[in-house]
Amino acid sequence: LGGRTTVAASWLGFEFLTLDLEAPIAVSTDGLLDAMRAGQGDGILHYKYVPRTGGGWDQADAAYATISPVAVPDAAYLPEMAVSIGSGTVQFHRAQWEDMPTQFHIINALADLEVREFTGATISRSVGATDLYEQRVLE
């Protein structure tokens, strides 16, 4: 609303992250997808590991490297796109064991990091995207 966006991430009702973005300056999207794609190489490397049922964590049903193509889709996938820039902040909220039993230590470690500088914010709105169906096994 009015160039301002607030995003909250939560788990079972506990809000552990808040992003507050103010991006009132609209920018042209001409050539934007190409600029976003520049320098990203062939994609993002992943390692897929699925443990064998009943076999323990050291026995795999699947274990291999995959690559996801560059996450910026072709313009054909994004018939409508708007981008604006501005400023923003991020805040992790410390958690107790009762809030997030298996993840509280991760959130607390992130909350304890010193924020030295906020360098800017970008808000993009688009219709359409790729679902990464192009992901492939590396041989």
N, C-alpha and C. Protein backbone atom coordinates (compact mmCIF):
# COMPACT_ATOMS: atom_id res chain seq x y z
N LEU A 1 0.85 -1.17 0.00
CA LEU A 1 0.00 0.00 0.00
C LEU A 1 0.89 1.23 0.00
N GLY A 2 0.76 2.06 -0.98
CA GLY A 2 1.56 3.27 -1.05
C GLY A 2 3.05 3.02 -1.15
N GLY A 3 3.44 1.91 -1.79
CA GLY A 3 4.86 1.61 -1.91
C GLY A 3 5.46 0.91 -0.71
N ARG A 4 4.65 0.61 0.29
CA ARG A 4 5.16 -0.04 1.50
C ARG A 4 4.59 -1.47 1.59
N THR A 5 5.49 -2.39 1.95
CA THR A 5 5.10 -3.80 2.08
C THR A 5 5.70 -4.34 3.37
N THR A 6 4.89 -5.05 4.14
CA THR A 6 5.38 -5.76 5.32
C THR A 6 5.09 -7.23 5.13
N VAL A 7 6.11 -8.05 5.36
CA VAL A 7 5.98 -9.49 5.21
C VAL A 7 6.39 -10.13 6.53
N ALA A 8 5.60 -11.10 6.97
CA ALA A 8 5.93 -11.83 8.19
C ALA A 8 5.97 -13.32 7.88
N ALA A 9 6.97 -14.00 8.45
CA ALA A 9 7.06 -15.45 8.34
C ALA A 9 6.76 -16.02 9.72
N SER A 10 5.95 -17.08 9.75
CA SER A 10 5.58 -17.67 11.04
C SER A 10 5.52 -19.19 10.91
N TRP A 11 5.57 -19.82 12.07
CA TRP A 11 5.44 -21.27 12.15
C TRP A 11 4.46 -21.58 13.27
N LEU A 12 3.34 -22.19 12.91
CA LEU A 12 2.29 -22.53 13.87
C LEU A 12 1.92 -21.34 14.77
N GLY A 13 1.80 -20.17 14.16
CA GLY A 13 1.36 -18.98 14.88
C GLY A 13 2.48 -18.15 15.49
N PHE A 14 3.71 -18.65 15.51
CA PHE A 14 4.81 -17.87 16.07
C PHE A 14 5.51 -17.12 14.96
N GLU A 15 5.50 -15.79 15.01
CA GLU A 15 6.14 -14.95 14.00
C GLU A 15 7.63 -14.84 14.31
N PHE A 16 8.45 -15.39 13.41
CA PHE A 16 9.89 -15.39 13.66
C PHE A 16 10.67 -14.45 12.75
N LEU A 17 10.03 -13.85 11.76
CA LEU A 17 10.72 -12.96 10.84
C LEU A 17 9.77 -11.88 10.36
N THR A 18 10.28 -10.64 10.32
CA THR A 18 9.51 -9.53 9.76
C THR A 18 10.39 -8.79 8.76
N LEU A 19 9.86 -8.58 7.58
CA LEU A 19 10.50 -7.74 6.56
C LEU A 19 9.63 -6.51 6.39
N ASP A 20 10.23 -5.34 6.47
CA ASP A 20 9.51 -4.09 6.28
C ASP A 20 10.17 -3.37 5.12
N LEU A 21 9.46 -3.22 4.02
CA LEU A 21 10.03 -2.68 2.80
C LEU A 21 9.26 -1.43 2.36
N GLU A 22 10.00 -0.42 1.99
CA GLU A 22 9.40 0.78 1.41
C GLU A 22 10.10 1.03 0.10
N ALA A 23 9.40 0.80 -0.99
CA ALA A 23 10.01 0.89 -2.31
C ALA A 23 9.11 1.74 -3.22
N PRO A 24 9.19 3.05 -3.06
CA PRO A 24 8.28 3.92 -3.81
C PRO A 24 8.75 4.28 -5.22
N ILE A 25 9.96 3.89 -5.61
CA ILE A 25 10.52 4.31 -6.89
C ILE A 25 10.34 3.20 -7.92
N ALA A 26 9.42 3.37 -8.85
CA ALA A 26 9.19 2.39 -9.90
C ALA A 26 10.35 2.43 -10.89
N VAL A 27 10.80 1.26 -11.33
CA VAL A 27 11.88 1.19 -12.32
C VAL A 27 11.38 0.45 -13.55
N SER A 28 11.99 0.75 -14.68
CA SER A 28 11.63 0.10 -15.93
C SER A 28 12.03 -1.36 -15.88
N THR A 29 11.20 -2.20 -16.44
CA THR A 29 11.53 -3.63 -16.48
C THR A 29 12.18 -4.01 -17.80
N ASP A 30 12.40 -3.04 -18.70
CA ASP A 30 13.08 -3.32 -19.96
C ASP A 30 14.49 -3.85 -19.67
N GLY A 31 14.79 -5.04 -20.12
CA GLY A 31 16.10 -5.62 -19.92
C GLY A 31 16.36 -6.12 -18.51
N LEU A 32 15.36 -6.00 -17.62
CA LEU A 32 15.57 -6.39 -16.22
C LEU A 32 15.86 -7.88 -16.07
N LEU A 33 15.11 -8.72 -16.78
CA LEU A 33 15.33 -10.16 -16.65
C LEU A 33 16.73 -10.55 -17.11
N ASP A 34 17.20 -9.93 -18.19
CA ASP A 34 18.57 -10.21 -18.65
C ASP A 34 19.59 -9.78 -17.61
N ALA A 35 19.38 -8.62 -16.99
CA ALA A 35 20.31 -8.14 -15.96
C ALA A 35 20.30 -9.06 -14.74
N MET A 36 19.13 -9.57 -14.37
CA MET A 36 19.04 -10.47 -13.23
C MET A 36 19.74 -11.80 -13.53
N ARG A 37 19.70 -12.22 -14.79
CA ARG A 37 20.27 -13.48 -15.20
C ARG A 37 21.80 -13.41 -15.31
N ALA A 38 22.33 -12.22 -15.54
CA ALA A 38 23.77 -12.05 -15.77
C ALA A 38 24.56 -12.52 -14.55
N GLY A 39 25.57 -13.29 -14.79
CA GLY A 39 26.46 -13.73 -13.72
C GLY A 39 25.94 -14.88 -12.88
N GLN A 40 24.80 -15.46 -13.24
CA GLN A 40 24.26 -16.55 -12.43
C GLN A 40 24.72 -17.92 -12.91
N GLY A 41 25.52 -17.97 -13.97
CA GLY A 41 26.02 -19.25 -14.44
C GLY A 41 24.92 -20.14 -14.98
N ASP A 42 25.11 -21.44 -14.82
CA ASP A 42 24.16 -22.40 -15.37
C ASP A 42 23.00 -22.69 -14.44
N GLY A 43 23.08 -22.28 -13.19
CA GLY A 43 21.99 -22.56 -12.27
C GLY A 43 22.49 -22.79 -10.86
N ILE A 44 21.65 -23.42 -10.05
CA ILE A 44 21.96 -23.66 -8.64
C ILE A 44 22.15 -25.16 -8.44
N LEU A 45 23.29 -25.52 -7.86
CA LEU A 45 23.63 -26.92 -7.59
C LEU A 45 22.93 -27.38 -6.31
N HIS A 46 22.31 -28.55 -6.35
CA HIS A 46 21.65 -29.15 -5.20
C HIS A 46 22.15 -30.58 -5.04
N TYR A 47 21.96 -31.14 -3.85
CA TYR A 47 22.23 -32.55 -3.65
C TYR A 47 20.95 -33.18 -3.13
N LYS A 48 20.41 -34.10 -3.88
CA LYS A 48 19.16 -34.76 -3.50
C LYS A 48 19.49 -36.03 -2.73
N TYR A 49 18.98 -36.12 -1.51
CA TYR A 49 19.22 -37.30 -0.69
C TYR A 49 17.91 -37.70 -0.03
N VAL A 50 17.48 -38.92 -0.28
CA VAL A 50 16.27 -39.47 0.34
C VAL A 50 16.70 -40.74 1.07
N PRO A 51 16.58 -40.75 2.41
CA PRO A 51 17.02 -41.95 3.15
C PRO A 51 16.12 -43.15 2.86
N ARG A 52 16.71 -44.31 2.94
CA ARG A 52 15.98 -45.56 2.71
C ARG A 52 15.04 -45.81 3.89
N THR A 53 13.81 -46.11 3.57
CA THR A 53 12.82 -46.39 4.61
C THR A 53 13.27 -47.59 5.44
N GLY A 54 13.34 -47.38 6.75
CA GLY A 54 13.75 -48.43 7.66
C GLY A 54 15.23 -48.74 7.63
N GLY A 55 15.99 -48.02 6.83
CA GLY A 55 17.40 -48.34 6.68
C GLY A 55 18.34 -47.42 7.43
N GLY A 56 17.81 -46.38 8.03
CA GLY A 56 18.68 -45.43 8.71
C GLY A 56 19.15 -44.33 7.77
N TRP A 57 19.75 -43.29 8.35
CA TRP A 57 20.16 -42.12 7.56
C TRP A 57 21.34 -42.40 6.66
N ASP A 58 22.09 -43.47 6.92
CA ASP A 58 23.28 -43.72 6.11
C ASP A 58 22.99 -44.58 4.88
N GLN A 59 21.75 -45.02 4.69
CA GLN A 59 21.36 -45.79 3.51
C GLN A 59 20.37 -44.97 2.69
N ALA A 60 20.67 -44.78 1.42
CA ALA A 60 19.87 -43.89 0.58
C ALA A 60 19.03 -44.64 -0.43
N ASP A 61 17.81 -44.16 -0.62
CA ASP A 61 17.01 -44.56 -1.78
C ASP A 61 17.39 -43.71 -2.99
N ALA A 62 17.77 -42.47 -2.72
CA ALA A 62 18.22 -41.56 -3.78
C ALA A 62 19.33 -40.69 -3.22
N ALA A 63 20.41 -40.53 -3.98
CA ALA A 63 21.52 -39.68 -3.56
C ALA A 63 22.29 -39.26 -4.81
N TYR A 64 22.07 -38.05 -5.27
CA TYR A 64 22.76 -37.56 -6.45
C TYR A 64 22.66 -36.05 -6.55
N ALA A 65 23.57 -35.47 -7.34
CA ALA A 65 23.59 -34.03 -7.56
C ALA A 65 22.59 -33.66 -8.65
N THR A 66 21.94 -32.52 -8.47
CA THR A 66 21.04 -31.98 -9.48
C THR A 66 21.40 -30.52 -9.71
N ILE A 67 20.91 -29.99 -10.80
CA ILE A 67 21.08 -28.56 -11.05
C ILE A 67 19.72 -27.97 -11.44
N SER A 68 19.38 -26.87 -10.79
CA SER A 68 18.18 -26.13 -11.14
C SER A 68 18.61 -25.00 -12.06
N PRO A 69 17.90 -24.81 -13.14
CA PRO A 69 18.29 -23.74 -14.05
C PRO A 69 18.19 -22.39 -13.35
N VAL A 70 18.79 -21.39 -13.96
CA VAL A 70 18.74 -20.03 -13.41
C VAL A 70 17.30 -19.71 -13.04
N ALA A 71 17.11 -19.16 -11.85
CA ALA A 71 15.77 -18.96 -11.30
C ALA A 71 15.00 -17.81 -11.94
N VAL A 72 15.61 -17.07 -12.84
CA VAL A 72 14.92 -15.97 -13.51
C VAL A 72 14.27 -16.52 -14.77
N PRO A 73 12.95 -16.52 -14.84
CA PRO A 73 12.26 -17.11 -15.99
C PRO A 73 12.36 -16.23 -17.23
N ASP A 74 12.04 -16.81 -18.37
CA ASP A 74 11.95 -16.04 -19.61
C ASP A 74 10.77 -15.09 -19.53
N ALA A 75 10.83 -14.02 -20.30
CA ALA A 75 9.77 -13.00 -20.30
C ALA A 75 8.41 -13.61 -20.65
N ALA A 76 8.41 -14.69 -21.43
CA ALA A 76 7.15 -15.32 -21.81
C ALA A 76 6.38 -15.84 -20.59
N TYR A 77 7.11 -16.19 -19.52
CA TYR A 77 6.47 -16.68 -18.31
C TYR A 77 5.93 -15.53 -17.44
N LEU A 78 6.36 -14.31 -17.71
CA LEU A 78 5.98 -13.16 -16.89
C LEU A 78 5.32 -12.08 -17.74
N PRO A 79 4.08 -12.30 -18.17
CA PRO A 79 3.44 -11.30 -19.03
C PRO A 79 3.20 -9.97 -18.31
N GLU A 80 3.11 -9.99 -17.00
CA GLU A 80 2.93 -8.77 -16.23
C GLU A 80 4.00 -8.72 -15.15
N MET A 81 4.74 -7.61 -15.12
CA MET A 81 5.79 -7.49 -14.12
C MET A 81 5.98 -6.03 -13.76
N ALA A 82 6.12 -5.74 -12.46
CA ALA A 82 6.41 -4.39 -11.99
C ALA A 82 7.47 -4.48 -10.91
N VAL A 83 8.42 -3.55 -10.94
CA VAL A 83 9.52 -3.55 -9.98
C VAL A 83 9.69 -2.14 -9.43
N SER A 84 9.89 -2.06 -8.11
CA SER A 84 10.21 -0.77 -7.49
C SER A 84 11.32 -0.98 -6.48
N ILE A 85 12.08 0.09 -6.23
CA ILE A 85 13.23 0.01 -5.33
C ILE A 85 13.08 1.03 -4.21
N GLY A 86 13.80 0.79 -3.13
CA GLY A 86 13.76 1.70 -1.99
C GLY A 86 14.62 1.18 -0.85
N SER A 87 14.05 1.17 0.34
CA SER A 87 14.79 0.76 1.52
C SER A 87 14.00 -0.32 2.26
N GLY A 88 14.68 -0.98 3.20
CA GLY A 88 13.99 -2.02 3.95
C GLY A 88 14.77 -2.46 5.16
N THR A 89 14.10 -3.19 6.02
CA THR A 89 14.74 -3.77 7.19
C THR A 89 14.26 -5.21 7.35
N VAL A 90 15.06 -5.99 8.05
CA VAL A 90 14.71 -7.37 8.36
C VAL A 90 14.95 -7.58 9.85
N GLN A 91 14.06 -8.34 10.49
CA GLN A 91 14.22 -8.61 11.92
C GLN A 91 13.78 -10.04 12.22
N PHE A 92 14.69 -10.80 12.81
CA PHE A 92 14.34 -12.13 13.33
C PHE A 92 13.93 -11.97 14.79
N HIS A 93 12.88 -12.65 15.20
CA HIS A 93 12.37 -12.58 16.57
C HIS A 93 12.80 -13.84 17.32
N ARG A 94 13.50 -13.66 18.43
CA ARG A 94 13.99 -14.80 19.21
C ARG A 94 12.83 -15.72 19.60
N ALA A 95 13.13 -17.00 19.60
CA ALA A 95 12.13 -18.02 19.89
C ALA A 95 12.51 -18.82 21.12
N GLN A 96 11.52 -19.39 21.75
CA GLN A 96 11.70 -20.35 22.85
C GLN A 96 11.47 -21.75 22.28
N TRP A 97 11.89 -22.74 23.01
CA TRP A 97 11.68 -24.12 22.59
C TRP A 97 10.20 -24.37 22.30
N GLU A 98 9.32 -23.81 23.12
CA GLU A 98 7.88 -24.03 22.96
C GLU A 98 7.34 -23.39 21.67
N ASP A 99 8.01 -22.37 21.17
CA ASP A 99 7.55 -21.69 19.95
C ASP A 99 7.85 -22.51 18.70
N MET A 100 9.06 -23.06 18.63
CA MET A 100 9.53 -23.78 17.45
C MET A 100 10.48 -24.88 17.91
N PRO A 101 9.97 -26.01 18.39
CA PRO A 101 10.80 -27.02 19.03
C PRO A 101 12.01 -27.49 18.22
N THR A 102 11.89 -27.60 16.92
CA THR A 102 13.01 -28.13 16.14
C THR A 102 13.82 -27.06 15.45
N GLN A 103 13.40 -25.79 15.55
CA GLN A 103 14.09 -24.74 14.79
C GLN A 103 14.45 -23.52 15.62
N PHE A 104 14.12 -23.48 16.89
CA PHE A 104 14.34 -22.27 17.69
C PHE A 104 15.81 -21.87 17.72
N HIS A 105 16.71 -22.85 17.76
CA HIS A 105 18.14 -22.54 17.81
C HIS A 105 18.64 -21.88 16.52
N ILE A 106 18.04 -22.22 15.39
CA ILE A 106 18.40 -21.60 14.11
C ILE A 106 17.93 -20.15 14.09
N ILE A 107 16.68 -19.93 14.47
CA ILE A 107 16.12 -18.58 14.49
C ILE A 107 16.89 -17.71 15.47
N ASN A 108 17.23 -18.24 16.63
CA ASN A 108 17.97 -17.45 17.62
C ASN A 108 19.36 -17.09 17.13
N ALA A 109 20.01 -18.00 16.42
CA ALA A 109 21.33 -17.69 15.86
C ALA A 109 21.23 -16.56 14.83
N LEU A 110 20.18 -16.59 14.02
CA LEU A 110 19.97 -15.52 13.05
C LEU A 110 19.62 -14.20 13.75
N ALA A 111 18.80 -14.28 14.80
CA ALA A 111 18.42 -13.07 15.55
C ALA A 111 19.62 -12.45 16.24
N ASP A 112 20.60 -13.25 16.61
CA ASP A 112 21.78 -12.74 17.32
C ASP A 112 22.82 -12.11 16.40
N LEU A 113 22.67 -12.29 15.09
CA LEU A 113 23.63 -11.69 14.17
C LEU A 113 23.49 -10.17 14.19
N GLU A 114 24.61 -9.50 14.16
CA GLU A 114 24.60 -8.03 14.13
C GLU A 114 24.25 -7.55 12.72
N VAL A 115 23.27 -6.67 12.63
CA VAL A 115 22.94 -6.05 11.35
C VAL A 115 23.81 -4.81 11.22
N ARG A 116 24.72 -4.84 10.28
CA ARG A 116 25.65 -3.72 10.13
C ARG A 116 25.12 -2.65 9.19
N GLU A 117 24.33 -3.08 8.21
CA GLU A 117 23.86 -2.11 7.23
C GLU A 117 22.69 -2.69 6.46
N PHE A 118 21.71 -1.87 6.18
CA PHE A 118 20.64 -2.23 5.26
C PHE A 118 20.97 -1.55 3.95
N THR A 119 21.10 -2.32 2.89
CA THR A 119 21.60 -1.76 1.64
C THR A 119 20.52 -1.42 0.62
N GLY A 120 19.29 -1.77 0.89
CA GLY A 120 18.22 -1.44 -0.04
C GLY A 120 17.21 -2.56 -0.13
N ALA A 121 16.15 -2.28 -0.85
CA ALA A 121 15.07 -3.24 -1.00
C ALA A 121 14.52 -3.17 -2.42
N THR A 122 14.07 -4.29 -2.90
CA THR A 122 13.41 -4.37 -4.20
C THR A 122 12.12 -5.13 -4.00
N ILE A 123 11.05 -4.60 -4.56
CA ILE A 123 9.76 -5.30 -4.54
C ILE A 123 9.40 -5.56 -5.99
N SER A 124 9.12 -6.82 -6.29
CA SER A 124 8.68 -7.14 -7.65
C SER A 124 7.34 -7.87 -7.58
N ARG A 125 6.51 -7.53 -8.51
CA ARG A 125 5.20 -8.18 -8.63
C ARG A 125 5.11 -8.75 -10.03
N SER A 126 4.70 -10.00 -10.14
CA SER A 126 4.60 -10.62 -11.45
C SER A 126 3.45 -11.61 -11.47
N VAL A 127 2.99 -11.88 -12.66
CA VAL A 127 1.99 -12.91 -12.89
C VAL A 127 2.68 -13.99 -13.70
N GLY A 128 2.69 -15.20 -13.19
CA GLY A 128 3.33 -16.31 -13.88
C GLY A 128 4.74 -16.53 -13.38
N ALA A 129 5.24 -17.71 -13.58
CA ALA A 129 6.61 -18.07 -13.20
C ALA A 129 6.87 -19.48 -13.68
N THR A 130 8.11 -19.89 -13.57
CA THR A 130 8.45 -21.27 -13.90
C THR A 130 8.39 -22.11 -12.62
N ASP A 131 8.12 -23.38 -12.75
CA ASP A 131 8.05 -24.26 -11.58
C ASP A 131 9.32 -25.11 -11.45
N LEU A 132 10.37 -24.72 -12.16
CA LEU A 132 11.66 -25.41 -12.13
C LEU A 132 11.57 -26.86 -12.63
N TYR A 133 10.60 -27.13 -13.50
CA TYR A 133 10.50 -28.47 -14.05
C TYR A 133 11.72 -28.84 -14.89
N GLU A 134 12.54 -27.83 -15.21
CA GLU A 134 13.73 -28.07 -16.00
C GLU A 134 14.88 -28.65 -15.17
N GLN A 135 14.72 -28.81 -13.85
CA GLN A 135 15.78 -29.35 -13.01
C GLN A 135 16.21 -30.71 -13.55
N ARG A 136 17.52 -30.96 -13.50
CA ARG A 136 18.02 -32.23 -14.07
C ARG A 136 19.12 -32.83 -13.20
N VAL A 137 19.32 -34.10 -13.36
CA VAL A 137 20.37 -34.83 -12.64
C VAL A 137 21.70 -34.54 -13.33
N LEU A 138 22.73 -34.28 -12.53
CA LEU A 138 24.07 -34.11 -13.08
C LEU A 138 24.71 -35.50 -13.21
N GLU A 139 25.25 -35.78 -14.33
CA GLU A 139 25.87 -37.09 -14.56
C GLU A 139 27.37 -36.96 -14.65
